[in-house]
PDB file of N, CA and C in Angstrom:
ATOM      1  N   ILE A   1     -17.232  11.630  10.380  1.00  0.00           N
ATOM      2  CA  ILE A   1     -15.661  11.049  10.212  1.00  0.00           C
ATOM      3  C   ILE A   1     -15.180  10.313  11.888  1.00  0.00           C
ATOM      4  N   ARG A   2     -16.919  10.655  12.749  1.00  0.00           N
ATOM      5  CA  ARG A   2     -16.403  10.587  13.971  1.00  0.00           C
ATOM      6  C   ARG A   2     -17.235   9.205  14.057  1.00  0.00           C
ATOM      7  N   ILE A   3     -18.254   8.544  14.081  1.00  0.00           N
ATOM      8  CA  ILE A   3     -19.555   7.928  13.655  1.00  0.00           C
ATOM      9  C   ILE A   3     -18.282   6.310  12.741  1.00  0.00           C
ATOM     10  N   PHE A   4     -18.027   6.884  11.582  1.00  0.00           N
ATOM     11  CA  PHE A   4     -16.419   6.471  10.505  1.00  0.00           C
ATOM     12  C   PHE A   4     -15.353   5.762  11.011  1.00  0.00           C
ATOM     13  N   ARG A   5     -14.851   6.325  12.058  1.00  0.00           N
ATOM     14  CA  ARG A   5     -13.720   5.879  13.338  1.00  0.00           C
ATOM     15  C   ARG A   5     -14.898   4.977  13.850  1.00  0.00           C
ATOM     16  N   GLU A   6     -15.484   5.223  14.831  1.00  0.00           N
ATOM     17  CA  GLU A   6     -16.379   4.429  16.164  1.00  0.00           C
ATOM     18  C   GLU A   6     -15.847   2.942  15.404  1.00  0.00           C
ATOM     19  N   ALA A   7     -17.102   2.846  14.572  1.00  0.00           N
ATOM     20  CA  ALA A   7     -16.797   1.621  13.562  1.00  0.00           C
ATOM     21  C   ALA A   7     -15.555   0.868  13.293  1.00  0.00           C
ATOM     22  N   PHE A   8     -14.734   1.877  12.407  1.00  0.00           N
ATOM     23  CA  PHE A   8     -13.447   0.651  12.175  1.00  0.00           C
ATOM     24  C   PHE A   8     -12.135   1.126  12.731  1.00  0.00           C
ATOM     25  N   GLY A   9     -12.235   1.790  13.838  1.00  0.00           N
ATOM     26  CA  GLY A   9     -11.236   2.194  14.764  1.00  0.00           C
ATOM     27  C   GLY A   9     -10.169   3.198  14.125  1.00  0.00           C
ATOM     28  N   CYS A  10     -10.195   4.134  12.981  1.00  0.00           N
ATOM     29  CA  CYS A  10      -9.261   5.123  12.962  1.00  0.00           C
ATOM     30  C   CYS A  10      -9.785   5.610  11.194  1.00  0.00           C
ATOM     31  N   PRO A  11      -9.503   7.249  11.045  1.00  0.00           N
ATOM     32  CA  PRO A  11     -10.382   8.290   9.864  1.00  0.00           C
ATOM     33  C   PRO A  11     -10.307   7.738   9.545  1.00  0.00           C
ATOM     34  N   PRO A  12     -11.135   7.389   8.122  1.00  0.00           N
ATOM     35  CA  PRO A  12     -11.215   7.964   6.435  1.00  0.00           C
ATOM     36  C   PRO A  12      -9.850   7.473   6.115  1.00  0.00           C
ATOM     37  N   MET A  13      -8.867   8.548   5.545  1.00  0.00           N
ATOM     38  CA  MET A  13      -8.014   8.220   5.345  1.00  0.00           C
ATOM     39  C   MET A  13      -7.609   7.364   6.028  1.00  0.00           C
ATOM     40  N   GLU A  14      -7.001   7.009   7.043  1.00  0.00           N
ATOM     41  CA  GLU A  14      -6.198   6.217   7.669  1.00  0.00           C
ATOM     42  C   GLU A  14      -6.788   4.177   6.980  1.00  0.00           C
ATOM     43  N   TYR A  15      -7.343   4.471   6.958  1.00  0.00           N
ATOM     44  CA  TYR A  15      -8.693   3.674   6.921  1.00  0.00           C
ATOM     45  C   TYR A  15      -7.788   2.967   5.622  1.00  0.00           C
ATOM     46  N   ARG A  16      -8.694   4.082   4.581  1.00  0.00           N
ATOM     47  CA  ARG A  16      -8.473   4.310   2.932  1.00  0.00           C
ATOM     48  C   ARG A  16      -6.197   3.581   2.582  1.00  0.00           C
ATOM     49  N   LEU A  17      -5.659   4.772   3.075  1.00  0.00           N
ATOM     50  CA  LEU A  17      -3.939   4.181   3.153  1.00  0.00           C
ATOM     51  C   LEU A  17      -3.763   3.043   3.289  1.00  0.00           C
ATOM     52  N   ARG A  18      -4.436   1.666   4.655  1.00  0.00           N
ATOM     53  CA  ARG A  18      -4.314   0.482   5.213  1.00  0.00           C
ATOM     54  C   ARG A  18      -4.718  -0.166   3.604  1.00  0.00           C
ATOM     55  N   ARG A  19      -6.236   0.201   4.115  1.00  0.00           N
ATOM     56  CA  ARG A  19      -6.595  -0.784   2.353  1.00  0.00           C
ATOM     57  C   ARG A  19      -5.600  -1.015   1.514  1.00  0.00           C
ATOM     58  N   LYS A  20      -5.074   0.011   0.915  1.00  0.00           N
ATOM     59  CA  LYS A  20      -3.494   0.358   0.434  1.00  0.00           C
ATOM     60  C   LYS A  20      -2.785  -0.860  -0.159  1.00  0.00           C
ATOM     61  N   GLN A  21      -2.227   0.046   1.196  1.00  0.00           N
ATOM     62  CA  GLN A  21      -1.095  -1.138   1.501  1.00  0.00           C
ATOM     63  C   GLN A  21      -0.725  -2.819   1.693  1.00  0.00           C
ATOM     64  N   ALA A  22      -2.747  -3.070   2.274  1.00  0.00           N
ATOM     65  CA  ALA A  22      -2.969  -4.258   1.995  1.00  0.00           C
ATOM     66  C   ALA A  22      -3.183  -4.820   0.742  1.00  0.00           C
ATOM     67  N   ALA A  23      -3.290  -4.426  -0.045  1.00  0.00           N
ATOM     68  CA  ALA A  23      -3.706  -4.909  -1.814  1.00  0.00           C
ATOM     69  C   ALA A  23      -2.144  -4.801  -2.224  1.00  0.00           C
ATOM     70  N   ALA A  24      -1.417  -3.899  -1.652  1.00  0.00           N
ATOM     71  CA  ALA A  24       0.684  -3.515  -2.504  1.00  0.00           C
ATOM     72  C   ALA A  24       0.946  -5.170  -1.741  1.00  0.00           C
ATOM     73  N   GLU A  25       0.725  -5.671  -0.377  1.00  0.00           N
ATOM     74  CA  GLU A  25       1.024  -6.477   0.302  1.00  0.00           C
ATOM     75  C   GLU A  25       1.332  -7.706  -0.839  1.00  0.00           C
ATOM     76  N   LEU A  26      -0.543  -7.659  -1.496  1.00  0.00           N
ATOM     77  CA  LEU A  26      -1.213  -8.639  -1.321  1.00  0.00           C
ATOM     78  C   LEU A  26      -0.414  -9.383  -2.951  1.00  0.00           C
ATOM     79  N   LEU A  27      -0.541  -8.404  -3.634  1.00  0.00           N
ATOM     80  CA  LEU A  27       0.154  -8.164  -4.883  1.00  0.00           C
ATOM     81  C   LEU A  27       1.405  -8.236  -4.999  1.00  0.00           C
ATOM     82  N   LEU A  28       2.138  -7.952  -4.176  1.00  0.00           N
ATOM     83  CA  LEU A  28       3.598  -7.785  -4.620  1.00  0.00           C
ATOM     84  C   LEU A  28       3.890  -9.446  -3.662  1.00  0.00           C
ATOM     85  N   ALA A  29       3.055 -10.659  -3.266  1.00  0.00           N
ATOM     86  CA  ALA A  29       3.158 -12.013  -2.775  1.00  0.00           C
ATOM     87  C   ALA A  29       2.137 -12.418  -4.190  1.00  0.00           C
ATOM     88  N   HIS A  30       1.641 -12.198  -4.178  1.00  0.00           N
ATOM     89  CA  HIS A  30       0.929 -13.099  -5.452  1.00  0.00           C
ATOM     90  C   HIS A  30       1.251 -13.299  -6.704  1.00  0.00           C
ATOM     91  N   SER A  31       1.605 -12.270  -7.310  1.00  0.00           N
ATOM     92  CA  SER A  31       1.338 -11.579  -8.578  1.00  0.00           C
ATOM     93  C   SER A  31       2.813 -11.991  -8.803  1.00  0.00           C
ATOM     94  N   LEU A  32       2.392 -11.695 -10.184  1.00  0.00           N
ATOM     95  CA  LEU A  32       3.949 -11.092 -11.060  1.00  0.00           C
ATOM     96  C   LEU A  32       3.868 -10.150 -11.655  1.00  0.00           C
ATOM     97  N   LEU A  33       3.578  -9.091 -11.435  1.00  0.00           N
ATOM     98  CA  LEU A  33       2.878  -7.077 -11.611  1.00  0.00           C
ATOM     99  C   LEU A  33       4.572  -6.830 -11.694  1.00  0.00           C
ATOM    100  N   SER A  34       5.242  -6.464 -12.106  1.00  0.00           N
ATOM    101  CA  SER A  34       6.368  -5.010 -11.687  1.00  0.00           C
ATOM    102  C   SER A  34       5.612  -4.402 -10.828  1.00  0.00           C
ATOM    103  N   VAL A  35       6.712  -3.355 -10.237  1.00  0.00           N
ATOM    104  CA  VAL A  35       6.488  -3.104  -8.956  1.00  0.00           C
ATOM    105  C   VAL A  35       6.523  -1.581  -9.605  1.00  0.00           C
ATOM    106  N   LYS A  36       5.497  -0.765 -10.363  1.00  0.00           N
ATOM    107  CA  LYS A  36       5.931  -0.008 -11.935  1.00  0.00           C
ATOM    108  C   LYS A  36       4.761  -0.395 -11.937  1.00  0.00           C
ATOM    109  N   GLU A  37       4.184  -1.688 -12.456  1.00  0.00           N
ATOM    110  CA  GLU A  37       2.578  -1.290 -12.785  1.00  0.00           C
ATOM    111  C   GLU A  37       2.477  -1.880 -11.788  1.00  0.00           C
ATOM    112  N   ILE A  38       1.926  -2.664  -9.996  1.00  0.00           N
ATOM    113  CA  ILE A  38       1.198  -2.812  -8.974  1.00  0.00           C
ATOM    114  C   ILE A  38       1.556  -1.042  -8.656  1.00  0.00           C
ATOM    115  N   ALA A  39       2.127   0.036  -8.506  1.00  0.00           N
ATOM    116  CA  ALA A  39       2.183   1.268  -7.944  1.00  0.00           C
ATOM    117  C   ALA A  39       0.895   1.559  -9.011  1.00  0.00           C
ATOM    118  N   ARG A  40       1.412   1.265 -10.210  1.00  0.00           N
ATOM    119  CA  ARG A  40       0.109   2.415 -11.748  1.00  0.00           C
ATOM    120  C   ARG A  40      -1.168   1.296 -10.539  1.00  0.00           C
ATOM    121  N   GLU A  41      -1.556   0.139 -10.562  1.00  0.00           N
ATOM    122  CA  GLU A  41      -2.774  -0.529 -10.099  1.00  0.00           C
ATOM    123  C   GLU A  41      -3.401   0.599  -8.893  1.00  0.00           C
ATOM    124  N   LEU A  42      -2.339   0.963  -8.266  1.00  0.00           N
ATOM    125  CA  LEU A  42      -2.947   1.212  -6.953  1.00  0.00           C
ATOM    126  C   LEU A  42      -2.642   2.764  -7.355  1.00  0.00           C
ATOM    127  N   GLY A  43      -2.602   3.426  -7.932  1.00  0.00           N
ATOM    128  CA  GLY A  43      -3.100   4.701  -7.612  1.00  0.00           C
ATOM    129  C   GLY A  43      -1.682   5.623  -8.294  1.00  0.00           C
ATOM    130  N   PHE A  44      -1.039   4.892  -7.148  1.00  0.00           N
ATOM    131  CA  PHE A  44       0.554   6.473  -7.781  1.00  0.00           C
ATOM    132  C   PHE A  44       0.608   7.252  -8.768  1.00  0.00           C
ATOM    133  N   CYS A  45       1.932   7.831  -8.832  1.00  0.00           N
ATOM    134  CA  CYS A  45       1.501   8.289  -9.838  1.00  0.00           C
ATOM    135  C   CYS A  45       2.921   7.688 -10.551  1.00  0.00           C
ATOM    136  N   ASP A  46       3.774   7.343  -9.687  1.00  0.00           N
ATOM    137  CA  ASP A  46       5.025   6.787 -10.013  1.00  0.00           C
ATOM    138  C   ASP A  46       5.639   5.530  -9.335  1.00  0.00           C
ATOM    139  N   GLN A  47       6.511   5.015 -10.057  1.00  0.00           N
ATOM    140  CA  GLN A  47       7.422   3.524  -8.393  1.00  0.00           C
ATOM    141  C   GLN A  47       7.920   4.542  -7.068  1.00  0.00           C
ATOM    142  N   TYR A  48       8.351   4.693  -7.905  1.00  0.00           N
ATOM    143  CA  TYR A  48       8.743   5.865  -7.107  1.00  0.00           C
ATOM    144  C   TYR A  48       8.208   6.270  -5.579  1.00  0.00           C
ATOM    145  N   ALA A  49       7.227   7.182  -5.779  1.00  0.00           N
ATOM    146  CA  ALA A  49       6.243   6.927  -4.979  1.00  0.00           C
ATOM    147  C   ALA A  49       5.530   6.588  -3.935  1.00  0.00           C
ATOM    148  N   PHE A  50       5.732   5.022  -4.396  1.00  0.00           N
ATOM    149  CA  PHE A  50       4.310   3.909  -3.686  1.00  0.00           C
ATOM    150  C   PHE A  50       5.934   2.724  -3.946  1.00  0.00           C
ATOM    151  N   SER A  51       6.663   3.507  -3.855  1.00  0.00           N
ATOM    152  CA  SER A  51       7.571   2.862  -2.565  1.00  0.00           C
ATOM    153  C   SER A  51       7.968   3.487  -1.351  1.00  0.00           C
ATOM    154  N   LYS A  52       8.007   4.942  -1.447  1.00  0.00           N
ATOM    155  CA  LYS A  52       8.729   5.018  -0.876  1.00  0.00           C
ATOM    156  C   LYS A  52       6.604   6.212   0.095  1.00  0.00           C
ATOM    157  N   PHE A  53       5.907   4.882  -0.441  1.00  0.00           N
ATOM    158  CA  PHE A  53       4.964   5.330   0.519  1.00  0.00           C
ATOM    159  C   PHE A  53       4.722   3.620   1.103  1.00  0.00           C
ATOM    160  N   PHE A  54       5.423   1.934   0.917  1.00  0.00           N
ATOM    161  CA  PHE A  54       5.810   1.592   1.334  1.00  0.00           C
ATOM    162  C   PHE A  54       6.630   0.952   2.693  1.00  0.00           C
ATOM    163  N   ARG A  55       7.602   1.943   1.709  1.00  0.00           N
ATOM    164  CA  ARG A  55       8.540   1.599   2.977  1.00  0.00           C
ATOM    165  C   ARG A  55       8.500   2.393   4.029  1.00  0.00           C
ATOM    166  N   GLY A  56       7.576   3.261   4.049  1.00  0.00           N
ATOM    167  CA  GLY A  56       7.325   4.267   4.769  1.00  0.00           C
ATOM    168  C   GLY A  56       6.605   3.609   6.369  1.00  0.00           C
ATOM    169  N   ARG A  57       5.782   2.496   5.663  1.00  0.00           N
ATOM    170  CA  ARG A  57       4.860   2.146   5.848  1.00  0.00           C
ATOM    171  C   ARG A  57       4.823   0.891   6.259  1.00  0.00           C
ATOM    172  N   ARG A  58       5.727   0.235   5.692  1.00  0.00           N
ATOM    173  CA  ARG A  58       5.601  -1.061   5.468  1.00  0.00           C
ATOM    174  C   ARG A  58       7.697  -1.107   6.880  1.00  0.00           C
ATOM    175  N   GLY A  59       8.480  -0.399   6.275  1.00  0.00           N
ATOM    176  CA  GLY A  59      10.123  -0.215   6.845  1.00  0.00           C
ATOM    177  C   GLY A  59      11.107  -0.932   5.803  1.00  0.00           C
ATOM    178  N   VAL A  60      10.280  -1.563   5.273  1.00  0.00           N
ATOM    179  CA  VAL A  60      11.528  -2.004   4.264  1.00  0.00           C
ATOM    180  C   VAL A  60      10.514  -1.992   2.413  1.00  0.00           C
ATOM    181  N   SER A  61      11.986  -1.293   1.016  1.00  0.00           N
ATOM    182  CA  SER A  61      11.379  -1.796   0.469  1.00  0.00           C
ATOM    183  C   SER A  61      10.102  -2.622   0.228  1.00  0.00           C
ATOM    184  N   PRO A  62       9.184  -2.164  -1.124  1.00  0.00           N
ATOM    185  CA  PRO A  62       8.645  -3.301  -2.764  1.00  0.00           C
ATOM    186  C   PRO A  62       9.408  -4.354  -2.291  1.00  0.00           C
ATOM    187  N   GLY A  63      10.267  -4.033  -3.206  1.00  0.00           N
ATOM    188  CA  GLY A  63      11.235  -5.401  -4.040  1.00  0.00           C
ATOM    189  C   GLY A  63      11.543  -6.946  -2.601  1.00  0.00           C
ATOM    190  N   VAL A  64      12.255  -5.497  -1.175  1.00  0.00           N
ATOM    191  CA  VAL A  64      12.672  -6.302  -0.003  1.00  0.00           C
ATOM    192  C   VAL A  64      11.607  -7.742   0.116  1.00  0.00           C
ATOM    193  N   PHE A  65      10.259  -6.528   0.502  1.00  0.00           N
ATOM    194  CA  PHE A  65       9.496  -6.979   0.429  1.00  0.00           C
ATOM    195  C   PHE A  65       8.922  -8.419   0.377  1.00  0.00           C
ATOM    196  N   ARG A  66       8.966  -8.428  -1.352  1.00  0.00           N
ATOM    197  CA  ARG A  66       8.983  -9.357  -2.586  1.00  0.00           C
ATOM    198  C   ARG A  66       9.885 -10.786  -2.048  1.00  0.00           C
ATOM    199  N   LYS A  67      10.566 -10.638  -1.780  1.00  0.00           N
ATOM    200  CA  LYS A  67      12.252 -11.757  -2.288  1.00  0.00           C
ATOM    201  C   LYS A  67      11.758 -11.943  -0.564  1.00  0.00           C
ATOM    202  N   GLY A  68      11.591 -11.843   0.413  1.00  0.00           N
ATOM    203  CA  GLY A  68      11.920 -12.354   1.884  1.00  0.00           C
ATOM    204  C   GLY A  68      11.059 -12.635   2.005  1.00  0.00           C
TER     205      GLY A  68
END
């Protein structure tokens, strides 16, 4: 974990969450998939868990992010 943190600037779990967030933002901005489909694509159990994750990291809901 120490070597990973030195290489990437964060622990492995945070790195994974950042990658998942980046993928979510990319899909919301550049695809026609619904929020539910994006949640499934990223491995969330449902769209509510995905929305909670997204809002917690970005400060806005996936729908607001997509519109903005």
